[in-house]
Amino acid sequence: MILDDASGLNGYRSICGVDEAGRGPLAGPVFAACVILDPARKIDGLADSKKISAKKRASLTMLIKEYARAWAVSSASVLEIERLNILRASLLAMKRAVENLAIAPDMILVDGNFAPQLNKPVRTIIKGDSFIPEISAASILAKTARDTEMLAVHQRFPLYGFDQHKGYPTKKHIAALQMHGASPVHRQNFAPVKAVINAASASPFFLPLV
């Protein structure tokens, strides 16, 4: 059963927060994380990962991994995003993360208004990463894991500047995409990428992606 509020949670012993990172980018996988915090080991500064600096996220990531009762990070690949669509791929990454937890939660709180199908009670909470500590922690782990992955992707495809924009559709990224064409890590069913591929295929100098 999926509910849409965070009330009535006092009866649960293992509350798991779940969030994703990477639904909006034009390239790279989507990541998800889940966290069961330890009430006896409070972590100060937890917040929506998008509202804190990379340096702060890095320090909080270390604390979360050390202090949490359990945590897990998973992803869904570019191929899975293209096959399933980005929403379903995000839910798949969430499901994988929860299933990889060392401790089975008895309540799962998911940021947003969509949740994966799981065999435990699930509640969706819009903007939960801003005020639910477990979801905030998951948001931070997912974001730092994906950013780390995109730094590795940058080493393979340095022309696109993935180390700076992490695949999001910035002006620099769009310009690089138009100049160099789509790479194998670009999501080919996303409109800006598809437009570049279609333009290239119409060119007499078109070379297929490798």
N, C-alpha and C. Protein backbone atom coordinates (compact mmCIF):
# COMPACT_ATOMS: atom_id res chain seq x y z
N MET A 1 0.85 -1.20 0.00
CA MET A 1 0.00 0.00 0.00
C MET A 1 0.88 1.24 0.00
N ILE A 2 0.56 2.20 -0.86
CA ILE A 2 1.31 3.44 -0.95
C ILE A 2 0.46 4.58 -0.41
N LEU A 3 0.99 5.27 0.59
CA LEU A 3 0.33 6.44 1.18
C LEU A 3 1.12 7.68 0.81
N ASP A 4 0.57 8.86 1.07
CA ASP A 4 1.23 10.08 0.62
C ASP A 4 1.45 11.09 1.74
N ASP A 5 1.75 10.62 2.94
CA ASP A 5 2.08 11.53 4.04
C ASP A 5 3.05 10.85 4.97
N ALA A 6 3.60 11.62 5.91
CA ALA A 6 4.62 11.09 6.81
C ALA A 6 4.10 10.96 8.24
N SER A 7 2.78 10.98 8.41
CA SER A 7 2.22 10.90 9.75
C SER A 7 2.16 9.47 10.23
N GLY A 8 2.05 9.27 11.54
CA GLY A 8 1.85 7.96 12.11
C GLY A 8 3.01 7.01 11.95
N LEU A 9 4.23 7.51 12.09
CA LEU A 9 5.41 6.66 11.89
C LEU A 9 6.02 6.16 13.19
N ASN A 10 5.43 6.51 14.32
CA ASN A 10 6.04 6.15 15.61
C ASN A 10 6.07 4.64 15.85
N GLY A 11 5.19 3.89 15.22
CA GLY A 11 5.14 2.46 15.48
C GLY A 11 6.14 1.64 14.69
N TYR A 12 6.91 2.29 13.84
CA TYR A 12 7.85 1.56 12.99
C TYR A 12 9.26 1.66 13.55
N ARG A 13 9.99 0.55 13.53
CA ARG A 13 11.34 0.51 14.11
C ARG A 13 12.43 0.79 13.08
N SER A 14 12.21 0.37 11.83
CA SER A 14 13.22 0.53 10.79
C SER A 14 12.63 1.29 9.62
N ILE A 15 12.76 2.62 9.69
CA ILE A 15 12.22 3.49 8.64
C ILE A 15 13.31 3.77 7.63
N CYS A 16 13.01 3.49 6.38
CA CYS A 16 13.98 3.65 5.30
C CYS A 16 13.58 4.83 4.42
N GLY A 17 14.51 5.74 4.18
CA GLY A 17 14.28 6.84 3.25
C GLY A 17 14.88 6.51 1.90
N VAL A 18 14.18 6.87 0.82
CA VAL A 18 14.62 6.54 -0.53
C VAL A 18 14.53 7.79 -1.41
N ASP A 19 15.57 8.01 -2.22
CA ASP A 19 15.54 9.11 -3.19
C ASP A 19 16.43 8.75 -4.37
N GLU A 20 16.24 9.48 -5.46
CA GLU A 20 17.03 9.23 -6.66
C GLU A 20 17.80 10.48 -7.06
N ALA A 21 18.77 10.30 -7.95
CA ALA A 21 19.52 11.42 -8.52
C ALA A 21 19.78 11.11 -9.98
N GLY A 22 19.47 12.08 -10.84
CA GLY A 22 19.81 11.91 -12.25
C GLY A 22 18.65 11.67 -13.19
N ARG A 23 17.46 12.11 -12.83
CA ARG A 23 16.34 11.97 -13.77
C ARG A 23 16.44 12.99 -14.90
N GLY A 24 16.98 14.17 -14.61
CA GLY A 24 16.98 15.24 -15.59
C GLY A 24 18.12 15.29 -16.59
N PRO A 25 19.27 14.70 -16.32
CA PRO A 25 20.40 14.80 -17.25
C PRO A 25 20.13 14.15 -18.61
N LEU A 26 20.97 14.54 -19.57
CA LEU A 26 20.89 13.98 -20.92
C LEU A 26 21.80 12.78 -21.09
N ALA A 27 22.59 12.48 -20.08
CA ALA A 27 23.57 11.40 -20.21
C ALA A 27 23.79 10.74 -18.86
N GLY A 28 24.26 9.50 -18.92
CA GLY A 28 24.63 8.78 -17.71
C GLY A 28 23.47 8.06 -17.07
N PRO A 29 23.79 7.16 -16.14
CA PRO A 29 22.76 6.39 -15.45
C PRO A 29 21.98 7.23 -14.44
N VAL A 30 20.88 6.68 -13.95
CA VAL A 30 20.16 7.27 -12.83
C VAL A 30 20.49 6.45 -11.59
N PHE A 31 20.71 7.13 -10.48
CA PHE A 31 21.08 6.47 -9.23
C PHE A 31 19.96 6.62 -8.21
N ALA A 32 19.91 5.68 -7.28
CA ALA A 32 18.98 5.77 -6.15
C ALA A 32 19.70 5.26 -4.91
N ALA A 33 19.29 5.77 -3.77
CA ALA A 33 19.87 5.34 -2.50
C ALA A 33 18.77 5.19 -1.47
N CYS A 34 19.03 4.37 -0.46
CA CYS A 34 18.11 4.25 0.66
C CYS A 34 18.92 4.18 1.94
N VAL A 35 18.36 4.73 3.01
CA VAL A 35 19.07 4.84 4.28
C VAL A 35 18.14 4.56 5.44
N ILE A 36 18.61 3.75 6.38
CA ILE A 36 17.96 3.60 7.68
C ILE A 36 18.87 4.25 8.71
N LEU A 37 18.44 5.37 9.26
CA LEU A 37 19.26 6.09 10.22
C LEU A 37 19.20 5.44 11.60
N ASP A 38 20.20 5.74 12.41
CA ASP A 38 20.27 5.28 13.80
C ASP A 38 19.84 6.44 14.70
N PRO A 39 18.71 6.34 15.39
CA PRO A 39 18.26 7.45 16.25
C PRO A 39 19.28 7.83 17.31
N ALA A 40 20.14 6.90 17.69
CA ALA A 40 21.13 7.17 18.73
C ALA A 40 22.36 7.91 18.19
N ARG A 41 22.46 8.02 16.87
CA ARG A 41 23.63 8.67 16.26
C ARG A 41 23.15 9.73 15.27
N LYS A 42 22.77 10.87 15.81
CA LYS A 42 22.20 11.93 14.99
C LYS A 42 23.25 12.53 14.06
N ILE A 43 22.82 12.85 12.86
CA ILE A 43 23.69 13.50 11.88
C ILE A 43 23.15 14.90 11.61
N ASP A 44 23.88 15.91 11.98
CA ASP A 44 23.46 17.30 11.77
C ASP A 44 23.72 17.72 10.33
N GLY A 45 22.84 18.57 9.81
CA GLY A 45 23.06 19.16 8.49
C GLY A 45 22.41 18.43 7.34
N LEU A 46 21.63 17.37 7.61
CA LEU A 46 20.96 16.66 6.54
C LEU A 46 19.93 17.56 5.86
N ALA A 47 19.94 17.57 4.53
CA ALA A 47 19.03 18.42 3.77
C ALA A 47 18.97 17.89 2.34
N ASP A 48 18.11 18.49 1.55
CA ASP A 48 18.03 18.17 0.13
C ASP A 48 19.42 18.34 -0.48
N SER A 49 19.91 17.30 -1.14
CA SER A 49 21.28 17.33 -1.67
C SER A 49 21.52 18.47 -2.64
N LYS A 50 20.47 18.92 -3.32
CA LYS A 50 20.62 20.00 -4.29
C LYS A 50 20.84 21.34 -3.62
N LYS A 51 20.58 21.43 -2.32
CA LYS A 51 20.68 22.71 -1.62
C LYS A 51 21.94 22.84 -0.78
N ILE A 52 22.84 21.88 -0.87
CA ILE A 52 24.09 21.96 -0.12
C ILE A 52 25.26 21.78 -1.07
N SER A 53 26.41 22.28 -0.67
CA SER A 53 27.58 22.27 -1.55
C SER A 53 28.13 20.86 -1.73
N ALA A 54 28.93 20.69 -2.77
CA ALA A 54 29.57 19.40 -3.02
C ALA A 54 30.47 19.01 -1.86
N LYS A 55 31.17 19.98 -1.29
CA LYS A 55 32.05 19.69 -0.15
C LYS A 55 31.25 19.20 1.05
N LYS A 56 30.12 19.86 1.31
CA LYS A 56 29.26 19.45 2.43
C LYS A 56 28.66 18.08 2.16
N ARG A 57 28.25 17.83 0.92
CA ARG A 57 27.70 16.51 0.58
C ARG A 57 28.73 15.41 0.83
N ALA A 58 29.97 15.69 0.47
CA ALA A 58 31.03 14.68 0.64
C ALA A 58 31.23 14.35 2.12
N SER A 59 31.24 15.37 2.97
CA SER A 59 31.44 15.11 4.40
C SER A 59 30.24 14.40 5.01
N LEU A 60 29.03 14.78 4.57
CA LEU A 60 27.83 14.12 5.07
C LEU A 60 27.76 12.67 4.58
N THR A 61 28.22 12.42 3.38
CA THR A 61 28.23 11.05 2.85
C THR A 61 29.04 10.14 3.76
N MET A 62 30.20 10.60 4.20
CA MET A 62 31.04 9.79 5.09
C MET A 62 30.33 9.53 6.42
N LEU A 63 29.66 10.57 6.95
CA LEU A 63 28.95 10.40 8.22
C LEU A 63 27.78 9.44 8.08
N ILE A 64 27.04 9.58 6.98
CA ILE A 64 25.88 8.70 6.77
C ILE A 64 26.33 7.25 6.70
N LYS A 65 27.38 7.00 5.94
CA LYS A 65 27.86 5.62 5.78
C LYS A 65 28.41 5.05 7.08
N GLU A 66 28.93 5.92 7.94
CA GLU A 66 29.48 5.46 9.22
C GLU A 66 28.41 5.29 10.29
N TYR A 67 27.44 6.23 10.33
CA TYR A 67 26.48 6.28 11.43
C TYR A 67 25.16 5.58 11.16
N ALA A 68 24.78 5.42 9.90
CA ALA A 68 23.47 4.83 9.58
C ALA A 68 23.44 3.36 9.98
N ARG A 69 22.26 2.87 10.34
CA ARG A 69 22.10 1.44 10.63
C ARG A 69 22.29 0.61 9.37
N ALA A 70 21.84 1.16 8.24
CA ALA A 70 22.00 0.47 6.95
C ALA A 70 21.84 1.49 5.83
N TRP A 71 22.53 1.24 4.73
CA TRP A 71 22.38 2.08 3.55
C TRP A 71 22.74 1.27 2.31
N ALA A 72 22.24 1.69 1.17
CA ALA A 72 22.55 1.03 -0.10
C ALA A 72 22.37 2.02 -1.23
N VAL A 73 23.17 1.85 -2.27
CA VAL A 73 23.09 2.68 -3.47
C VAL A 73 23.03 1.75 -4.68
N SER A 74 22.13 2.04 -5.61
CA SER A 74 22.02 1.26 -6.84
C SER A 74 21.76 2.21 -8.01
N SER A 75 21.73 1.66 -9.20
CA SER A 75 21.52 2.50 -10.39
C SER A 75 20.76 1.73 -11.46
N ALA A 76 20.34 2.47 -12.47
CA ALA A 76 19.81 1.89 -13.69
C ALA A 76 20.58 2.52 -14.84
N SER A 77 20.96 1.70 -15.80
CA SER A 77 21.86 2.11 -16.87
C SER A 77 21.16 2.97 -17.92
N VAL A 78 21.97 3.55 -18.80
CA VAL A 78 21.42 4.31 -19.92
C VAL A 78 20.54 3.42 -20.80
N LEU A 79 20.98 2.20 -21.03
CA LEU A 79 20.17 1.28 -21.84
C LEU A 79 18.82 0.98 -21.18
N GLU A 80 18.82 0.86 -19.86
CA GLU A 80 17.56 0.63 -19.15
C GLU A 80 16.68 1.86 -19.19
N ILE A 81 17.28 3.04 -19.11
CA ILE A 81 16.51 4.28 -19.23
C ILE A 81 15.84 4.35 -20.60
N GLU A 82 16.58 4.01 -21.65
CA GLU A 82 16.03 4.06 -23.00
C GLU A 82 14.96 2.99 -23.22
N ARG A 83 15.12 1.85 -22.58
CA ARG A 83 14.16 0.75 -22.77
C ARG A 83 12.89 0.97 -21.96
N LEU A 84 13.04 1.47 -20.74
CA LEU A 84 11.90 1.55 -19.81
C LEU A 84 11.24 2.92 -19.77
N ASN A 85 11.96 3.97 -19.99
CA ASN A 85 11.74 5.40 -19.79
C ASN A 85 12.34 5.81 -18.44
N ILE A 86 12.57 7.09 -18.27
CA ILE A 86 13.35 7.55 -17.11
C ILE A 86 12.62 7.32 -15.79
N LEU A 87 11.30 7.47 -15.76
CA LEU A 87 10.57 7.24 -14.51
C LEU A 87 10.69 5.78 -14.08
N ARG A 88 10.41 4.87 -14.99
CA ARG A 88 10.46 3.46 -14.62
C ARG A 88 11.88 3.02 -14.27
N ALA A 89 12.87 3.59 -14.96
CA ALA A 89 14.26 3.27 -14.63
C ALA A 89 14.62 3.78 -13.24
N SER A 90 14.12 4.96 -12.88
CA SER A 90 14.35 5.50 -11.55
C SER A 90 13.74 4.60 -10.47
N LEU A 91 12.53 4.14 -10.73
CA LEU A 91 11.87 3.24 -9.78
C LEU A 91 12.61 1.91 -9.68
N LEU A 92 13.17 1.45 -10.79
CA LEU A 92 13.96 0.22 -10.77
C LEU A 92 15.20 0.40 -9.92
N ALA A 93 15.87 1.55 -10.06
CA ALA A 93 17.06 1.82 -9.24
C ALA A 93 16.68 1.87 -7.76
N MET A 94 15.54 2.48 -7.43
CA MET A 94 15.07 2.52 -6.05
C MET A 94 14.82 1.11 -5.51
N LYS A 95 14.14 0.30 -6.30
CA LYS A 95 13.83 -1.07 -5.89
C LYS A 95 15.11 -1.85 -5.62
N ARG A 96 16.09 -1.71 -6.49
CA ARG A 96 17.37 -2.39 -6.30
C ARG A 96 18.05 -1.94 -5.02
N ALA A 97 18.01 -0.64 -4.74
CA ALA A 97 18.66 -0.12 -3.54
C ALA A 97 18.01 -0.72 -2.29
N VAL A 98 16.69 -0.69 -2.22
CA VAL A 98 15.98 -1.22 -1.05
C VAL A 98 16.28 -2.71 -0.89
N GLU A 99 16.28 -3.43 -1.97
CA GLU A 99 16.51 -4.88 -1.89
C GLU A 99 17.95 -5.22 -1.50
N ASN A 100 18.86 -4.26 -1.65
CA ASN A 100 20.25 -4.48 -1.28
C ASN A 100 20.57 -4.07 0.17
N LEU A 101 19.58 -3.57 0.90
CA LEU A 101 19.80 -3.17 2.28
C LEU A 101 20.14 -4.39 3.15
N ALA A 102 21.07 -4.19 4.07
CA ALA A 102 21.45 -5.28 4.98
C ALA A 102 20.37 -5.53 6.03
N ILE A 103 19.56 -4.50 6.31
CA ILE A 103 18.46 -4.61 7.27
C ILE A 103 17.15 -4.40 6.52
N ALA A 104 16.20 -5.28 6.70
CA ALA A 104 14.91 -5.13 6.04
C ALA A 104 14.08 -4.06 6.74
N PRO A 105 13.68 -2.99 6.04
CA PRO A 105 12.87 -1.95 6.68
C PRO A 105 11.43 -2.40 6.87
N ASP A 106 10.75 -1.81 7.86
CA ASP A 106 9.32 -2.10 7.99
C ASP A 106 8.46 -0.93 7.52
N MET A 107 9.08 0.17 7.09
CA MET A 107 8.39 1.28 6.43
C MET A 107 9.37 1.96 5.49
N ILE A 108 8.90 2.27 4.29
CA ILE A 108 9.75 2.89 3.27
C ILE A 108 9.14 4.23 2.88
N LEU A 109 9.92 5.29 3.02
CA LEU A 109 9.49 6.64 2.67
C LEU A 109 10.21 7.06 1.40
N VAL A 110 9.47 7.38 0.36
CA VAL A 110 10.05 7.70 -0.94
C VAL A 110 9.77 9.16 -1.29
N ASP A 111 10.81 9.86 -1.72
CA ASP A 111 10.64 11.25 -2.13
C ASP A 111 9.82 11.32 -3.42
N GLY A 112 8.91 12.30 -3.48
CA GLY A 112 8.11 12.49 -4.68
C GLY A 112 6.74 11.86 -4.58
N ASN A 113 6.15 11.58 -5.73
CA ASN A 113 4.80 11.00 -5.73
C ASN A 113 4.71 9.68 -6.49
N PHE A 114 5.85 9.09 -6.79
CA PHE A 114 5.89 7.76 -7.39
C PHE A 114 6.80 6.87 -6.57
N ALA A 115 6.45 5.59 -6.45
CA ALA A 115 7.26 4.67 -5.67
C ALA A 115 7.32 3.32 -6.36
N PRO A 116 8.42 2.60 -6.15
CA PRO A 116 8.51 1.25 -6.72
C PRO A 116 7.59 0.28 -5.99
N GLN A 117 7.29 -0.82 -6.63
CA GLN A 117 6.48 -1.86 -6.01
C GLN A 117 7.39 -2.71 -5.11
N LEU A 118 7.11 -2.69 -3.82
CA LEU A 118 7.91 -3.41 -2.85
C LEU A 118 6.98 -4.20 -1.93
N ASN A 119 7.54 -5.15 -1.22
CA ASN A 119 6.71 -5.99 -0.35
C ASN A 119 6.65 -5.46 1.08
N LYS A 120 6.87 -4.17 1.23
CA LYS A 120 6.77 -3.49 2.53
C LYS A 120 5.87 -2.27 2.37
N PRO A 121 5.33 -1.73 3.48
CA PRO A 121 4.55 -0.49 3.39
C PRO A 121 5.41 0.65 2.83
N VAL A 122 4.84 1.40 1.91
CA VAL A 122 5.56 2.50 1.25
C VAL A 122 4.72 3.77 1.32
N ARG A 123 5.38 4.89 1.63
CA ARG A 123 4.70 6.18 1.60
C ARG A 123 5.48 7.13 0.70
N THR A 124 4.80 7.79 -0.21
CA THR A 124 5.43 8.82 -1.04
C THR A 124 5.24 10.17 -0.37
N ILE A 125 6.28 10.98 -0.38
CA ILE A 125 6.25 12.28 0.30
C ILE A 125 6.86 13.32 -0.63
N ILE A 126 6.05 14.22 -1.13
CA ILE A 126 6.54 15.27 -2.01
C ILE A 126 7.46 16.21 -1.23
N LYS A 127 8.62 16.46 -1.80
CA LYS A 127 9.67 17.28 -1.18
C LYS A 127 10.14 16.69 0.15
N GLY A 128 10.03 15.38 0.27
CA GLY A 128 10.46 14.72 1.50
C GLY A 128 11.93 14.89 1.78
N ASP A 129 12.74 15.13 0.73
CA ASP A 129 14.18 15.32 0.95
C ASP A 129 14.49 16.60 1.70
N SER A 130 13.50 17.47 1.84
CA SER A 130 13.71 18.74 2.56
C SER A 130 13.43 18.64 4.05
N PHE A 131 12.64 17.63 4.48
CA PHE A 131 12.27 17.60 5.90
C PHE A 131 12.21 16.21 6.53
N ILE A 132 12.44 15.17 5.76
CA ILE A 132 12.51 13.81 6.31
C ILE A 132 13.98 13.40 6.33
N PRO A 133 14.62 13.28 7.51
CA PRO A 133 16.07 13.02 7.55
C PRO A 133 16.50 11.79 6.77
N GLU A 134 15.72 10.71 6.82
CA GLU A 134 16.09 9.50 6.09
C GLU A 134 16.12 9.73 4.58
N ILE A 135 15.15 10.52 4.09
CA ILE A 135 15.13 10.81 2.65
C ILE A 135 16.25 11.77 2.29
N SER A 136 16.50 12.76 3.15
CA SER A 136 17.62 13.68 2.92
C SER A 136 18.93 12.91 2.80
N ALA A 137 19.14 11.96 3.70
CA ALA A 137 20.36 11.17 3.67
C ALA A 137 20.45 10.36 2.38
N ALA A 138 19.34 9.78 1.96
CA ALA A 138 19.32 9.03 0.70
C ALA A 138 19.61 9.93 -0.48
N SER A 139 19.05 11.13 -0.45
CA SER A 139 19.29 12.11 -1.51
C SER A 139 20.78 12.41 -1.64
N ILE A 140 21.44 12.58 -0.51
CA ILE A 140 22.87 12.90 -0.51
C ILE A 140 23.70 11.73 -1.05
N LEU A 141 23.39 10.52 -0.61
CA LEU A 141 24.15 9.36 -1.10
C LEU A 141 23.95 9.16 -2.60
N ALA A 142 22.73 9.30 -3.07
CA ALA A 142 22.46 9.12 -4.50
C ALA A 142 23.19 10.17 -5.33
N LYS A 143 23.15 11.40 -4.87
CA LYS A 143 23.80 12.50 -5.60
C LYS A 143 25.31 12.33 -5.64
N THR A 144 25.93 12.01 -4.52
CA THR A 144 27.39 11.87 -4.51
C THR A 144 27.83 10.65 -5.33
N ALA A 145 27.05 9.58 -5.28
CA ALA A 145 27.39 8.39 -6.07
C ALA A 145 27.30 8.68 -7.56
N ARG A 146 26.25 9.39 -7.96
CA ARG A 146 26.12 9.69 -9.38
C ARG A 146 27.19 10.67 -9.84
N ASP A 147 27.49 11.67 -9.04
CA ASP A 147 28.54 12.62 -9.42
C ASP A 147 29.88 11.91 -9.58
N THR A 148 30.17 10.97 -8.70
CA THR A 148 31.40 10.20 -8.82
C THR A 148 31.43 9.41 -10.12
N GLU A 149 30.30 8.80 -10.46
CA GLU A 149 30.20 8.05 -11.71
C GLU A 149 30.42 8.96 -12.91
N MET A 150 29.87 10.18 -12.88
CA MET A 150 30.01 11.07 -14.01
C MET A 150 31.43 11.61 -14.14
N LEU A 151 32.18 11.67 -13.06
CA LEU A 151 33.60 12.02 -13.16
C LEU A 151 34.35 10.91 -13.89
N ALA A 152 33.98 9.66 -13.65
CA ALA A 152 34.58 8.55 -14.37
C ALA A 152 34.18 8.58 -15.85
N VAL A 153 32.92 8.93 -16.12
CA VAL A 153 32.46 9.05 -17.50
C VAL A 153 33.24 10.15 -18.23
N HIS A 154 33.55 11.22 -17.51
CA HIS A 154 34.32 12.32 -18.11
C HIS A 154 35.68 11.85 -18.59
N GLN A 155 36.29 10.92 -17.88
CA GLN A 155 37.60 10.41 -18.30
C GLN A 155 37.50 9.67 -19.64
N ARG A 156 36.35 9.07 -19.91
CA ARG A 156 36.15 8.35 -21.17
C ARG A 156 35.75 9.29 -22.30
N PHE A 157 34.97 10.33 -21.97
CA PHE A 157 34.45 11.24 -22.98
C PHE A 157 34.69 12.70 -22.54
N PRO A 158 35.94 13.16 -22.55
CA PRO A 158 36.27 14.48 -21.99
C PRO A 158 35.74 15.66 -22.79
N LEU A 159 35.33 15.44 -24.04
CA LEU A 159 34.90 16.55 -24.88
C LEU A 159 33.61 17.20 -24.40
N TYR A 160 32.85 16.50 -23.57
CA TYR A 160 31.51 17.00 -23.22
C TYR A 160 31.47 17.78 -21.91
N GLY A 161 32.52 17.73 -21.12
CA GLY A 161 32.53 18.47 -19.86
C GLY A 161 31.68 17.86 -18.77
N PHE A 162 31.58 16.52 -18.75
CA PHE A 162 30.75 15.87 -17.73
C PHE A 162 31.24 16.15 -16.31
N ASP A 163 32.51 16.48 -16.14
CA ASP A 163 33.03 16.78 -14.81
C ASP A 163 32.45 18.06 -14.25
N GLN A 164 31.90 18.90 -15.11
CA GLN A 164 31.33 20.17 -14.68
C GLN A 164 29.81 20.12 -14.53
N HIS A 165 29.13 19.61 -15.53
CA HIS A 165 27.65 19.65 -15.50
C HIS A 165 27.01 18.30 -15.16
N LYS A 166 27.82 17.25 -15.08
CA LYS A 166 27.34 15.90 -14.71
C LYS A 166 26.23 15.37 -15.63
N GLY A 167 26.20 15.90 -16.85
CA GLY A 167 25.21 15.42 -17.81
C GLY A 167 23.96 16.25 -17.91
N TYR A 168 23.78 17.24 -17.04
CA TYR A 168 22.58 18.08 -17.10
C TYR A 168 22.64 18.98 -18.34
N PRO A 169 21.50 19.42 -18.85
CA PRO A 169 21.45 20.16 -20.11
C PRO A 169 21.84 21.64 -19.99
N THR A 170 23.07 21.89 -19.61
CA THR A 170 23.58 23.25 -19.57
C THR A 170 23.88 23.74 -20.99
N LYS A 171 24.10 25.04 -21.13
CA LYS A 171 24.44 25.59 -22.45
C LYS A 171 25.72 24.96 -22.98
N LYS A 172 26.70 24.78 -22.10
CA LYS A 172 27.97 24.19 -22.52
C LYS A 172 27.77 22.75 -22.98
N HIS A 173 26.95 22.01 -22.28
CA HIS A 173 26.70 20.63 -22.66
C HIS A 173 25.98 20.55 -24.01
N ILE A 174 24.96 21.37 -24.19
CA ILE A 174 24.22 21.37 -25.46
C ILE A 174 25.15 21.74 -26.61
N ALA A 175 26.01 22.73 -26.37
CA ALA A 175 26.95 23.15 -27.42
C ALA A 175 27.91 22.01 -27.77
N ALA A 176 28.41 21.31 -26.76
CA ALA A 176 29.33 20.19 -27.01
C ALA A 176 28.60 19.05 -27.72
N LEU A 177 27.36 18.83 -27.35
CA LEU A 177 26.56 17.78 -27.98
C LEU A 177 26.35 18.09 -29.46
N GLN A 178 26.07 19.35 -29.76
CA GLN A 178 25.86 19.74 -31.15
C GLN A 178 27.15 19.69 -31.96
N MET A 179 28.26 19.97 -31.30
CA MET A 179 29.55 19.99 -31.99
C MET A 179 30.09 18.58 -32.24
N HIS A 180 29.97 17.71 -31.23
CA HIS A 180 30.62 16.40 -31.29
C HIS A 180 29.65 15.24 -31.54
N GLY A 181 28.35 15.54 -31.50
CA GLY A 181 27.39 14.47 -31.64
C GLY A 181 27.18 13.73 -30.33
N ALA A 182 26.30 12.75 -30.33
CA ALA A 182 25.97 12.01 -29.12
C ALA A 182 27.01 10.93 -28.86
N SER A 183 27.36 10.77 -27.61
CA SER A 183 28.27 9.70 -27.20
C SER A 183 27.45 8.47 -26.80
N PRO A 184 28.10 7.33 -26.57
CA PRO A 184 27.38 6.13 -26.13
C PRO A 184 26.71 6.28 -24.77
N VAL A 185 27.09 7.28 -23.98
CA VAL A 185 26.47 7.44 -22.66
C VAL A 185 25.33 8.45 -22.68
N HIS A 186 25.04 9.03 -23.84
CA HIS A 186 23.91 9.95 -23.93
C HIS A 186 22.60 9.16 -24.04
N ARG A 187 21.55 9.71 -23.45
CA ARG A 187 20.23 9.09 -23.48
C ARG A 187 19.55 9.46 -24.79
N GLN A 188 19.54 8.52 -25.72
CA GLN A 188 19.16 8.84 -27.09
C GLN A 188 17.68 9.16 -27.26
N ASN A 189 16.84 8.83 -26.29
CA ASN A 189 15.43 9.16 -26.40
C ASN A 189 15.06 10.46 -25.70
N PHE A 190 16.05 11.19 -25.19
CA PHE A 190 15.80 12.53 -24.64
C PHE A 190 15.85 13.53 -25.79
N ALA A 191 14.92 14.48 -25.78
CA ALA A 191 14.70 15.34 -26.95
C ALA A 191 15.96 16.04 -27.47
N PRO A 192 16.77 16.71 -26.65
CA PRO A 192 17.95 17.39 -27.21
C PRO A 192 18.94 16.42 -27.86
N VAL A 193 19.07 15.23 -27.29
CA VAL A 193 19.97 14.22 -27.86
C VAL A 193 19.39 13.68 -29.15
N LYS A 194 18.11 13.38 -29.14
CA LYS A 194 17.44 12.86 -30.32
C LYS A 194 17.54 13.86 -31.48
N ALA A 195 17.42 15.14 -31.18
CA ALA A 195 17.51 16.16 -32.23
C ALA A 195 18.89 16.16 -32.88
N VAL A 196 19.92 16.01 -32.07
CA VAL A 196 21.29 15.97 -32.60
C VAL A 196 21.49 14.72 -33.46
N ILE A 197 20.99 13.57 -32.99
CA ILE A 197 21.12 12.33 -33.74
C ILE A 197 20.38 12.41 -35.06
N ASN A 198 19.17 12.98 -35.04
CA ASN A 198 18.39 13.11 -36.27
C ASN A 198 19.07 14.04 -37.26
N ALA A 199 19.64 15.14 -36.76
CA ALA A 199 20.34 16.08 -37.64
C ALA A 199 21.57 15.42 -38.25
N ALA A 200 22.29 14.63 -37.43
CA ALA A 200 23.49 13.97 -37.93
C ALA A 200 23.14 12.91 -38.97
N SER A 201 22.05 12.18 -38.75
CA SER A 201 21.67 11.11 -39.69
C SER A 201 21.23 11.67 -41.03
N ALA A 202 20.78 12.94 -41.02
CA ALA A 202 20.37 13.58 -42.27
C ALA A 202 21.55 14.14 -43.04
N SER A 203 22.71 14.16 -42.41
CA SER A 203 23.90 14.72 -43.05
C SER A 203 24.58 13.67 -43.93
N PRO A 204 25.13 14.09 -45.07
CA PRO A 204 25.86 13.13 -45.92
C PRO A 204 27.15 12.65 -45.28
N PHE A 205 27.58 13.32 -44.23
CA PHE A 205 28.81 12.94 -43.53
C PHE A 205 28.53 12.14 -42.27
N PHE A 206 27.30 11.67 -42.14
CA PHE A 206 26.90 10.95 -40.93
C PHE A 206 27.70 9.67 -40.75
N LEU A 207 28.19 9.47 -39.52
CA LEU A 207 28.82 8.23 -39.13
C LEU A 207 28.03 7.67 -37.96
N PRO A 208 27.68 6.39 -37.95
CA PRO A 208 26.89 5.84 -36.85
C PRO A 208 27.65 5.86 -35.55
N LEU A 209 26.90 5.91 -34.44
CA LEU A 209 27.53 5.87 -33.11
C LEU A 209 28.23 4.54 -32.89
N VAL A 210 29.32 4.59 -32.17
CA VAL A 210 30.04 3.37 -31.78
C VAL A 210 30.13 3.30 -30.30
